[in-house]
Amino acid sequence: MSLIQAILIGLMSCTAASTIACLGTTVGNYTLNRPLVASLFVGLIMGDVQGVIQIGIPMQVMWIALVTPGGTVASDLRAVSYIGIPLAYVGAKAAGLDFGGEEAYGLSSSISAMTGVIGITLFYGTAMMNLIWQHYGWAQLDKGNLEVVGKVDAIFPLLSHFVLSFLPCTLLCYYGSGAVEQLFQNLTTDLWYVKAILTVGAVLPAVGIAILLKSVIDKTSDLLYFLFGFTLAASMGLTLIGATCIGAVFALIKYEMAMAKLGAGPAAAADEEEDI
């Protein structure tokens, strides 16, 4: 990876930060921060959109149910998307892995789990610096210094955000990519411990699906719909768009049946009153 590529990825990391997204929380944290979206931009920077997206898919599945309620942050996807994806791509390419194969999926999932820890450090480091600027701002306001408001509101947080987001991402991508490439060029996937890492990593996306199901299912019987969908997609070889269309039809049928039940009660009661 060249220095220019690492710098561009570092700039993308700045726009996708959770604590001070340059494009706003909706565009930054909840769009550019997501691995599947980030893989498009990383792919453009790396010159291989298809390969990078294939690497980003298992990472997206793994973190698909990640939410940030209140101040609780399980992982900052900024590091997963803009550190994990480039390093996983470089490693898979150096090892000669098929980007859409099981081994590449396991590698990308394992790297995303490790880089997620880096994201937590970046998130709370930035949040801590923001609290320091806020404390400094209140102290200056008590002294009658009104000019400090703009500085502590925008300038100082942006500077600390640059130090804690752009620099780590750029340096890890630039120097880490060379180390990862050299490692996987000399590392064979036939070794038992490498197989263990790839196997465990391949299972990790299932954790994301399980968390997602737990958050959207109210009744145990609702699992039948998901099992039916997975079975239908596997047996018929449906693409994601095809499965979505079929799911939309079943959702519409269920919605119309529910509305019919709600409408049947008042209508039946009205008929009885007329008969009486």
C-alpha atoms as a PDB file:
ATOM      1  CA  MET A   1       0.000   0.000   0.000  1.00  0.00           C
ATOM      2  CA  SER A   2       1.356   3.399  -0.949  1.00  0.00           C
ATOM      3  CA  LEU A   3       1.493   6.387   1.384  1.00  0.00           C
ATOM      4  CA  ILE A   4      -1.095   8.228  -0.741  1.00  0.00           C
ATOM      5  CA  GLN A   5      -3.525   5.320  -0.403  1.00  0.00           C
ATOM      6  CA  ALA A   6      -2.982   5.224   3.370  1.00  0.00           C
ATOM      7  CA  ILE A   7      -3.588   8.984   3.631  1.00  0.00           C
ATOM      8  CA  LEU A   8      -6.825   8.745   1.624  1.00  0.00           C
ATOM      9  CA  ILE A   9      -8.057   5.904   3.833  1.00  0.00           C
ATOM     10  CA  GLY A  10      -7.123   7.982   6.904  1.00  0.00           C
ATOM     11  CA  LEU A  11      -9.190  10.897   5.613  1.00  0.00           C
ATOM     12  CA  MET A  12     -12.150   8.568   5.065  1.00  0.00           C
ATOM     13  CA  SER A  13     -11.729   7.401   8.650  1.00  0.00           C
ATOM     14  CA  CYS A  14     -12.098  11.009   9.826  1.00  0.00           C
ATOM     15  CA  THR A  15     -15.428  11.405   8.031  1.00  0.00           C
ATOM     16  CA  ALA A  16     -16.779   8.174   9.526  1.00  0.00           C
ATOM     17  CA  ALA A  17     -15.948   8.720  13.196  1.00  0.00           C
ATOM     18  CA  SER A  18     -18.643   8.109  15.800  1.00  0.00           C
ATOM     19  CA  THR A  19     -17.829  10.980  18.136  1.00  0.00           C
ATOM     20  CA  ILE A  20     -17.313  13.822  15.686  1.00  0.00           C
ATOM     21  CA  ALA A  21     -18.273  12.722  12.181  1.00  0.00           C
ATOM     22  CA  CYS A  22     -17.300  15.459   9.719  1.00  0.00           C
ATOM     23  CA  LEU A  23     -20.422  14.807   7.621  1.00  0.00           C
ATOM     24  CA  GLY A  24     -22.812  14.403  10.548  1.00  0.00           C
ATOM     25  CA  THR A  25     -23.852  11.334  12.497  1.00  0.00           C
ATOM     26  CA  THR A  26     -26.287  10.043   9.873  1.00  0.00           C
ATOM     27  CA  VAL A  27     -23.887  10.233   6.925  1.00  0.00           C
ATOM     28  CA  GLY A  28     -20.720   9.595   8.916  1.00  0.00           C
ATOM     29  CA  ASN A  29     -21.379   7.153  11.731  1.00  0.00           C
ATOM     30  CA  TYR A  30     -24.374   5.308  10.322  1.00  0.00           C
ATOM     31  CA  THR A  31     -23.314   5.232   6.656  1.00  0.00           C
ATOM     32  CA  LEU A  32     -19.611   5.715   5.939  1.00  0.00           C
ATOM     33  CA  ASN A  33     -18.759   3.895   9.170  1.00  0.00           C
ATOM     34  CA  ARG A  34     -20.342   0.622   8.013  1.00  0.00           C
ATOM     35  CA  PRO A  35     -17.977  -1.985   6.510  1.00  0.00           C
ATOM     36  CA  LEU A  36     -20.038  -2.654   3.388  1.00  0.00           C
ATOM     37  CA  VAL A  37     -20.188   1.049   2.526  1.00  0.00           C
ATOM     38  CA  ALA A  38     -16.565   1.623   3.514  1.00  0.00           C
ATOM     39  CA  SER A  39     -15.407  -1.277   1.343  1.00  0.00           C
ATOM     40  CA  LEU A  40     -16.637   0.612  -1.735  1.00  0.00           C
ATOM     41  CA  PHE A  41     -14.437   3.625  -0.977  1.00  0.00           C
ATOM     42  CA  VAL A  42     -11.499   1.493   0.168  1.00  0.00           C
ATOM     43  CA  GLY A  43     -11.869  -0.522  -3.036  1.00  0.00           C
ATOM     44  CA  LEU A  44     -11.731   2.641  -5.128  1.00  0.00           C
ATOM     45  CA  ILE A  45      -8.582   3.709  -3.278  1.00  0.00           C
ATOM     46  CA  MET A  46      -6.970   0.263  -3.546  1.00  0.00           C
ATOM     47  CA  GLY A  47      -7.984  -0.171  -7.191  1.00  0.00           C
ATOM     48  CA  ASP A  48     -10.030  -3.353  -6.653  1.00  0.00           C
ATOM     49  CA  VAL A  49     -13.639  -2.590  -5.749  1.00  0.00           C
ATOM     50  CA  GLN A  50     -14.964  -6.135  -6.202  1.00  0.00           C
ATOM     51  CA  GLY A  51     -12.219  -7.792  -4.165  1.00  0.00           C
ATOM     52  CA  VAL A  52     -12.437  -5.321  -1.285  1.00  0.00           C
ATOM     53  CA  ILE A  53     -16.239  -5.565  -1.143  1.00  0.00           C
ATOM     54  CA  GLN A  54     -15.957  -9.354  -0.918  1.00  0.00           C
ATOM     55  CA  ILE A  55     -13.593  -8.876   2.026  1.00  0.00           C
ATOM     56  CA  GLY A  56     -15.981  -6.364   3.628  1.00  0.00           C
ATOM     57  CA  ILE A  57     -19.101  -8.550   3.410  1.00  0.00           C
ATOM     58  CA  PRO A  58     -18.290 -10.894   6.353  1.00  0.00           C
ATOM     59  CA  MET A  59     -17.261  -7.863   8.416  1.00  0.00           C
ATOM     60  CA  GLN A  60     -20.627  -6.230   7.732  1.00  0.00           C
ATOM     61  CA  VAL A  61     -22.467  -9.426   8.662  1.00  0.00           C
ATOM     62  CA  MET A  62     -20.429  -9.724  11.852  1.00  0.00           C
ATOM     63  CA  TRP A  63     -21.284  -6.181  13.000  1.00  0.00           C
ATOM     64  CA  ILE A  64     -24.730  -5.924  11.383  1.00  0.00           C
ATOM     65  CA  ALA A  65     -26.531  -5.628  14.714  1.00  0.00           C
ATOM     66  CA  LEU A  66     -24.127  -3.143  16.297  1.00  0.00           C
ATOM     67  CA  VAL A  67     -25.896  -0.182  17.898  1.00  0.00           C
ATOM     68  CA  THR A  68     -24.625   2.523  20.243  1.00  0.00           C
ATOM     69  CA  PRO A  69     -27.289   3.111  22.921  1.00  0.00           C
ATOM     70  CA  GLY A  70     -26.347   6.058  25.090  1.00  0.00           C
ATOM     71  CA  GLY A  71     -22.653   6.083  25.858  1.00  0.00           C
ATOM     72  CA  THR A  72     -22.209   2.327  25.552  1.00  0.00           C
ATOM     73  CA  VAL A  73     -20.013   1.495  22.565  1.00  0.00           C
ATOM     74  CA  ALA A  74     -19.188  -2.153  21.926  1.00  0.00           C
ATOM     75  CA  SER A  75     -16.892  -1.307  19.043  1.00  0.00           C
ATOM     76  CA  ASP A  76     -16.150   1.681  16.839  1.00  0.00           C
ATOM     77  CA  LEU A  77     -16.535   0.457  13.253  1.00  0.00           C
ATOM     78  CA  ARG A  78     -14.245   3.217  12.048  1.00  0.00           C
ATOM     79  CA  ALA A  79     -11.255   0.982  12.820  1.00  0.00           C
ATOM     80  CA  VAL A  80     -12.962  -2.136  11.453  1.00  0.00           C
ATOM     81  CA  SER A  81     -13.835  -0.421   8.171  1.00  0.00           C
ATOM     82  CA  TYR A  82     -10.736   1.660   7.513  1.00  0.00           C
ATOM     83  CA  ILE A  83      -8.040  -0.401   9.208  1.00  0.00           C
ATOM     84  CA  GLY A  84      -9.422  -3.943   9.211  1.00  0.00           C
ATOM     85  CA  ILE A  85     -10.643  -4.025   5.601  1.00  0.00           C
ATOM     86  CA  PRO A  86      -7.387  -2.748   4.004  1.00  0.00           C
ATOM     87  CA  LEU A  87      -5.228  -5.073   6.128  1.00  0.00           C
ATOM     88  CA  ALA A  88      -7.485  -8.076   5.474  1.00  0.00           C
ATOM     89  CA  TYR A  89      -7.440  -7.349   1.746  1.00  0.00           C
ATOM     90  CA  VAL A  90      -3.643  -7.070   1.670  1.00  0.00           C
ATOM     91  CA  GLY A  91      -3.285 -10.282   3.695  1.00  0.00           C
ATOM     92  CA  ALA A  92      -5.710 -12.263   1.542  1.00  0.00           C
ATOM     93  CA  LYS A  93      -4.050 -11.006  -1.632  1.00  0.00           C
ATOM     94  CA  ALA A  94      -0.555 -11.840  -0.347  1.00  0.00           C
ATOM     95  CA  ALA A  95      -1.662 -15.350   0.621  1.00  0.00           C
ATOM     96  CA  GLY A  96      -3.292 -15.891  -2.777  1.00  0.00           C
ATOM     97  CA  LEU A  97      -6.716 -16.517  -1.223  1.00  0.00           C
ATOM     98  CA  ASP A  98      -9.961 -16.324  -3.143  1.00  0.00           C
ATOM     99  CA  PHE A  99     -11.580 -13.110  -1.889  1.00  0.00           C
ATOM    100  CA  GLY A 100     -14.989 -14.788  -1.961  1.00  0.00           C
ATOM    101  CA  GLY A 101     -13.771 -18.048  -0.415  1.00  0.00           C
ATOM    102  CA  GLU A 102     -14.186 -19.405   3.105  1.00  0.00           C
ATOM    103  CA  GLU A 103     -10.554 -18.819   4.069  1.00  0.00           C
ATOM    104  CA  ALA A 104     -10.731 -15.147   3.091  1.00  0.00           C
ATOM    105  CA  TYR A 105     -14.021 -14.821   5.003  1.00  0.00           C
ATOM    106  CA  GLY A 106     -12.403 -16.310   8.090  1.00  0.00           C
ATOM    107  CA  LEU A 107      -9.367 -14.060   7.768  1.00  0.00           C
ATOM    108  CA  SER A 108     -11.415 -10.870   7.376  1.00  0.00           C
ATOM    109  CA  SER A 109     -13.666 -11.746  10.321  1.00  0.00           C
ATOM    110  CA  SER A 110     -10.691 -12.463  12.591  1.00  0.00           C
ATOM    111  CA  ILE A 111      -8.978  -9.195  11.639  1.00  0.00           C
ATOM    112  CA  SER A 112     -12.217  -7.239  12.119  1.00  0.00           C
ATOM    113  CA  ALA A 113     -12.541  -8.600  15.662  1.00  0.00           C
ATOM    114  CA  MET A 114      -8.991  -7.478  16.480  1.00  0.00           C
ATOM    115  CA  THR A 115      -9.302  -4.037  14.923  1.00  0.00           C
ATOM    116  CA  GLY A 116     -12.619  -3.498  16.713  1.00  0.00           C
ATOM    117  CA  VAL A 117     -10.615  -3.202  19.938  1.00  0.00           C
ATOM    118  CA  ILE A 118      -8.553  -0.422  18.344  1.00  0.00           C
ATOM    119  CA  GLY A 119     -11.806   1.353  17.482  1.00  0.00           C
ATOM    120  CA  ILE A 120     -12.891   1.376  21.117  1.00  0.00           C
ATOM    121  CA  THR A 121      -9.607   3.041  22.094  1.00  0.00           C
ATOM    122  CA  LEU A 122      -9.998   5.676  19.378  1.00  0.00           C
ATOM    123  CA  PHE A 123     -13.614   6.364  20.364  1.00  0.00           C
ATOM    124  CA  TYR A 124     -13.040   6.847  24.085  1.00  0.00           C
ATOM    125  CA  GLY A 125      -9.782   8.692  23.462  1.00  0.00           C
ATOM    126  CA  THR A 126     -11.617  11.245  21.325  1.00  0.00           C
ATOM    127  CA  ALA A 127     -14.478  11.464  23.835  1.00  0.00           C
ATOM    128  CA  MET A 128     -11.999  12.052  26.669  1.00  0.00           C
ATOM    129  CA  MET A 129     -10.321  14.891  24.764  1.00  0.00           C
ATOM    130  CA  ASN A 130     -13.721  16.470  24.069  1.00  0.00           C
ATOM    131  CA  LEU A 131     -14.430  16.485  27.814  1.00  0.00           C
ATOM    132  CA  ILE A 132     -11.082  18.163  28.441  1.00  0.00           C
ATOM    133  CA  TRP A 133     -11.890  20.899  25.911  1.00  0.00           C
ATOM    134  CA  GLN A 134     -15.306  21.362  27.497  1.00  0.00           C
ATOM    135  CA  HIS A 135     -13.805  21.733  30.961  1.00  0.00           C
ATOM    136  CA  TYR A 136     -11.296  24.231  29.607  1.00  0.00           C
ATOM    137  CA  GLY A 137     -14.096  26.176  27.909  1.00  0.00           C
ATOM    138  CA  TRP A 138     -16.163  26.500  31.100  1.00  0.00           C
ATOM    139  CA  ALA A 139     -13.105  27.671  33.011  1.00  0.00           C
ATOM    140  CA  GLN A 140     -12.439  30.364  30.395  1.00  0.00           C
ATOM    141  CA  LEU A 141     -16.092  31.474  30.363  1.00  0.00           C
ATOM    142  CA  ASP A 142     -15.945  31.966  34.119  1.00  0.00           C
ATOM    143  CA  LYS A 143     -13.103  34.393  33.450  1.00  0.00           C
ATOM    144  CA  GLY A 144     -15.198  36.269  30.875  1.00  0.00           C
ATOM    145  CA  ASN A 145     -13.350  34.945  27.816  1.00  0.00           C
ATOM    146  CA  LEU A 146     -16.179  34.579  25.257  1.00  0.00           C
ATOM    147  CA  GLU A 147     -13.834  34.041  22.320  1.00  0.00           C
ATOM    148  CA  VAL A 148     -13.045  30.537  23.534  1.00  0.00           C
ATOM    149  CA  VAL A 149     -16.556  29.271  22.679  1.00  0.00           C
ATOM    150  CA  GLY A 150     -15.857  28.757  18.989  1.00  0.00           C
ATOM    151  CA  LYS A 151     -12.496  27.186  19.690  1.00  0.00           C
ATOM    152  CA  VAL A 152     -13.706  24.553  22.155  1.00  0.00           C
ATOM    153  CA  ASP A 153     -16.807  23.885  20.067  1.00  0.00           C
ATOM    154  CA  ALA A 154     -15.068  23.209  16.740  1.00  0.00           C
ATOM    155  CA  ILE A 155     -11.347  23.915  16.407  1.00  0.00           C
ATOM    156  CA  PHE A 156      -9.893  22.046  19.391  1.00  0.00           C
ATOM    157  CA  PRO A 157     -12.103  18.925  18.959  1.00  0.00           C
ATOM    158  CA  LEU A 158     -11.211  18.754  15.266  1.00  0.00           C
ATOM    159  CA  LEU A 159      -7.509  18.912  16.080  1.00  0.00           C
ATOM    160  CA  SER A 160      -7.719  16.122  18.657  1.00  0.00           C
ATOM    161  CA  HIS A 161      -9.954  14.145  16.305  1.00  0.00           C
ATOM    162  CA  PHE A 162      -7.313  14.459  13.586  1.00  0.00           C
ATOM    163  CA  VAL A 163      -4.597  13.211  15.934  1.00  0.00           C
ATOM    164  CA  LEU A 164      -6.659  10.302  17.266  1.00  0.00           C
ATOM    165  CA  SER A 165      -8.313   9.237  14.007  1.00  0.00           C
ATOM    166  CA  PHE A 166      -6.340  10.230  10.936  1.00  0.00           C
ATOM    167  CA  LEU A 167      -2.844   9.518  12.228  1.00  0.00           C
ATOM    168  CA  PRO A 168      -3.452   6.013  13.736  1.00  0.00           C
ATOM    169  CA  CYS A 169      -5.428   4.875  10.697  1.00  0.00           C
ATOM    170  CA  THR A 170      -2.884   6.204   8.202  1.00  0.00           C
ATOM    171  CA  LEU A 171       0.137   4.815  10.056  1.00  0.00           C
ATOM    172  CA  LEU A 172      -1.427   1.398  10.690  1.00  0.00           C
ATOM    173  CA  CYS A 173      -2.517   1.061   7.074  1.00  0.00           C
ATOM    174  CA  TYR A 174       0.831   2.188   5.673  1.00  0.00           C
ATOM    175  CA  TYR A 175       3.192   0.270   7.935  1.00  0.00           C
ATOM    176  CA  GLY A 176       0.782  -2.523   8.862  1.00  0.00           C
ATOM    177  CA  SER A 177       0.011  -3.439   5.273  1.00  0.00           C
ATOM    178  CA  GLY A 178       3.685  -4.161   4.604  1.00  0.00           C
ATOM    179  CA  ALA A 179       3.966  -6.308   7.728  1.00  0.00           C
ATOM    180  CA  VAL A 180       0.756  -8.196   6.924  1.00  0.00           C
ATOM    181  CA  GLU A 181       1.813  -8.735   3.326  1.00  0.00           C
ATOM    182  CA  GLN A 182       5.205 -10.091   4.362  1.00  0.00           C
ATOM    183  CA  LEU A 183       3.615 -12.318   7.012  1.00  0.00           C
ATOM    184  CA  PHE A 184       1.094 -13.934   4.710  1.00  0.00           C
ATOM    185  CA  GLN A 185       3.585 -14.369   1.896  1.00  0.00           C
ATOM    186  CA  ASN A 186       5.660 -16.606   4.183  1.00  0.00           C
ATOM    187  CA  LEU A 187       2.751 -18.189   6.059  1.00  0.00           C
ATOM    188  CA  THR A 188       1.014 -21.274   4.780  1.00  0.00           C
ATOM    189  CA  THR A 189      -2.653 -21.816   5.505  1.00  0.00           C
ATOM    190  CA  ASP A 190      -2.033 -25.553   5.989  1.00  0.00           C
ATOM    191  CA  LEU A 191      -0.658 -24.973   9.491  1.00  0.00           C
ATOM    192  CA  TRP A 192      -3.074 -26.092  12.211  1.00  0.00           C
ATOM    193  CA  TYR A 193      -3.104 -22.807  14.125  1.00  0.00           C
ATOM    194  CA  VAL A 194      -3.730 -20.826  10.940  1.00  0.00           C
ATOM    195  CA  LYS A 195      -6.611 -23.159  10.112  1.00  0.00           C
ATOM    196  CA  ALA A 196      -7.955 -22.657  13.645  1.00  0.00           C
ATOM    197  CA  ILE A 197      -7.909 -18.857  13.292  1.00  0.00           C
ATOM    198  CA  LEU A 198      -9.598 -18.982   9.891  1.00  0.00           C
ATOM    199  CA  THR A 199     -12.218 -21.482  11.106  1.00  0.00           C
ATOM    200  CA  VAL A 200     -13.118 -19.448  14.182  1.00  0.00           C
ATOM    201  CA  GLY A 201     -13.229 -16.295  12.086  1.00  0.00           C
ATOM    202  CA  ALA A 202     -15.595 -17.921   9.603  1.00  0.00           C
ATOM    203  CA  VAL A 203     -18.072 -18.569  12.443  1.00  0.00           C
ATOM    204  CA  LEU A 204     -18.002 -14.995  13.762  1.00  0.00           C
ATOM    205  CA  PRO A 205     -20.488 -13.577  11.185  1.00  0.00           C
ATOM    206  CA  ALA A 206     -23.053 -16.009  12.591  1.00  0.00           C
ATOM    207  CA  VAL A 207     -22.768 -14.121  15.887  1.00  0.00           C
ATOM    208  CA  GLY A 208     -23.876 -10.936  14.142  1.00  0.00           C
ATOM    209  CA  ILE A 209     -26.883 -12.710  12.620  1.00  0.00           C
ATOM    210  CA  ALA A 210     -27.791 -14.187  16.019  1.00  0.00           C
ATOM    211  CA  ILE A 211     -27.640 -10.759  17.710  1.00  0.00           C
ATOM    212  CA  LEU A 212     -29.781  -9.286  14.934  1.00  0.00           C
ATOM    213  CA  LEU A 213     -32.394 -12.034  15.294  1.00  0.00           C
ATOM    214  CA  LYS A 214     -32.467 -11.547  19.052  1.00  0.00           C
ATOM    215  CA  SER A 215     -33.186  -7.846  18.627  1.00  0.00           C
ATOM    216  CA  VAL A 216     -35.999  -8.190  16.062  1.00  0.00           C
ATOM    217  CA  ILE A 217     -37.802 -11.387  17.154  1.00  0.00           C
ATOM    218  CA  ASP A 218     -40.581 -10.991  19.713  1.00  0.00           C
ATOM    219  CA  LYS A 219     -41.867 -14.565  19.669  1.00  0.00           C
ATOM    220  CA  THR A 220     -40.010 -17.829  19.259  1.00  0.00           C
ATOM    221  CA  SER A 221     -42.399 -18.803  16.472  1.00  0.00           C
ATOM    222  CA  ASP A 222     -41.072 -15.874  14.411  1.00  0.00           C
ATOM    223  CA  LEU A 223     -37.900 -17.894  13.892  1.00  0.00           C
ATOM    224  CA  LEU A 224     -39.846 -20.055  11.449  1.00  0.00           C
ATOM    225  CA  TYR A 225     -39.971 -17.163   8.980  1.00  0.00           C
ATOM    226  CA  PHE A 226     -36.194 -16.747   9.094  1.00  0.00           C
ATOM    227  CA  LEU A 227     -35.562 -20.495   8.832  1.00  0.00           C
ATOM    228  CA  PHE A 228     -37.931 -20.661   5.872  1.00  0.00           C
ATOM    229  CA  GLY A 229     -36.149 -17.739   4.200  1.00  0.00           C
ATOM    230  CA  PHE A 230     -32.677 -19.227   4.709  1.00  0.00           C
ATOM    231  CA  THR A 231     -33.860 -22.632   3.463  1.00  0.00           C
ATOM    232  CA  LEU A 232     -35.555 -21.095   0.427  1.00  0.00           C
ATOM    233  CA  ALA A 233     -32.488 -19.004  -0.441  1.00  0.00           C
ATOM    234  CA  ALA A 234     -30.138 -21.982  -0.079  1.00  0.00           C
ATOM    235  CA  SER A 235     -32.266 -24.479  -2.011  1.00  0.00           C
ATOM    236  CA  MET A 236     -33.162 -22.092  -4.847  1.00  0.00           C
ATOM    237  CA  GLY A 237     -29.810 -20.319  -5.021  1.00  0.00           C
ATOM    238  CA  LEU A 238     -31.422 -16.896  -4.628  1.00  0.00           C
ATOM    239  CA  THR A 239     -29.380 -13.721  -4.778  1.00  0.00           C
ATOM    240  CA  LEU A 240     -29.742 -11.058  -2.093  1.00  0.00           C
ATOM    241  CA  ILE A 241     -32.118  -9.029  -4.285  1.00  0.00           C
ATOM    242  CA  GLY A 242     -34.232 -12.091  -5.092  1.00  0.00           C
ATOM    243  CA  ALA A 243     -34.501 -13.067  -1.431  1.00  0.00           C
ATOM    244  CA  THR A 244     -35.455  -9.480  -0.551  1.00  0.00           C
ATOM    245  CA  CYS A 245     -38.256  -9.460  -3.133  1.00  0.00           C
ATOM    246  CA  ILE A 246     -39.679 -12.760  -1.880  1.00  0.00           C
ATOM    247  CA  GLY A 247     -39.417 -11.553   1.713  1.00  0.00           C
ATOM    248  CA  ALA A 248     -41.243  -8.338   0.788  1.00  0.00           C
ATOM    249  CA  VAL A 249     -44.129 -10.369  -0.675  1.00  0.00           C
ATOM    250  CA  PHE A 250     -44.474 -12.457   2.491  1.00  0.00           C
ATOM    251  CA  ALA A 251     -44.248  -9.314   4.634  1.00  0.00           C
ATOM    252  CA  LEU A 252     -47.029  -7.716   2.588  1.00  0.00           C
ATOM    253  CA  ILE A 253     -49.227 -10.819   2.971  1.00  0.00           C
ATOM    254  CA  LYS A 254     -48.659 -10.886   6.739  1.00  0.00           C
ATOM    255  CA  TYR A 255     -49.403  -7.153   6.961  1.00  0.00           C
ATOM    256  CA  GLU A 256     -52.668  -7.480   5.023  1.00  0.00           C
ATOM    257  CA  MET A 257     -53.758 -10.428   7.180  1.00  0.00           C
ATOM    258  CA  ALA A 258     -53.049  -8.446  10.344  1.00  0.00           C
ATOM    259  CA  MET A 259     -54.992  -5.449   9.026  1.00  0.00           C
ATOM    260  CA  ALA A 260     -57.871  -7.732   8.054  1.00  0.00           C
ATOM    261  CA  LYS A 261     -58.032  -9.080  11.607  1.00  0.00           C
ATOM    262  CA  LEU A 262     -58.082  -5.594  13.057  1.00  0.00           C
ATOM    263  CA  GLY A 263     -60.828  -4.545  10.657  1.00  0.00           C
ATOM    264  CA  ALA A 264     -62.956  -7.662  11.157  1.00  0.00           C
ATOM    265  CA  GLY A 265     -63.635  -7.000  14.829  1.00  0.00           C
ATOM    266  CA  PRO A 266     -65.358  -3.581  14.579  1.00  0.00           C
ATOM    267  CA  ALA A 267     -67.150  -4.601  11.390  1.00  0.00           C
ATOM    268  CA  ALA A 268     -68.580  -7.745  12.975  1.00  0.00           C
ATOM    269  CA  ALA A 269     -69.663  -5.806  16.056  1.00  0.00           C
ATOM    270  CA  ALA A 270     -71.450  -3.228  13.877  1.00  0.00           C
ATOM    271  CA  ASP A 271     -73.352  -5.970  12.013  1.00  0.00           C
ATOM    272  CA  GLU A 272     -74.517  -7.510  15.284  1.00  0.00           C
ATOM    273  CA  GLU A 273     -75.822  -4.156  16.523  1.00  0.00           C
ATOM    274  CA  GLU A 274     -77.780  -3.642  13.305  1.00  0.00           C
ATOM    275  CA  ASP A 275     -79.349  -7.107  13.634  1.00  0.00           C
ATOM    276  CA  ILE A 276     -80.424  -6.382  17.191  1.00  0.00           C
END
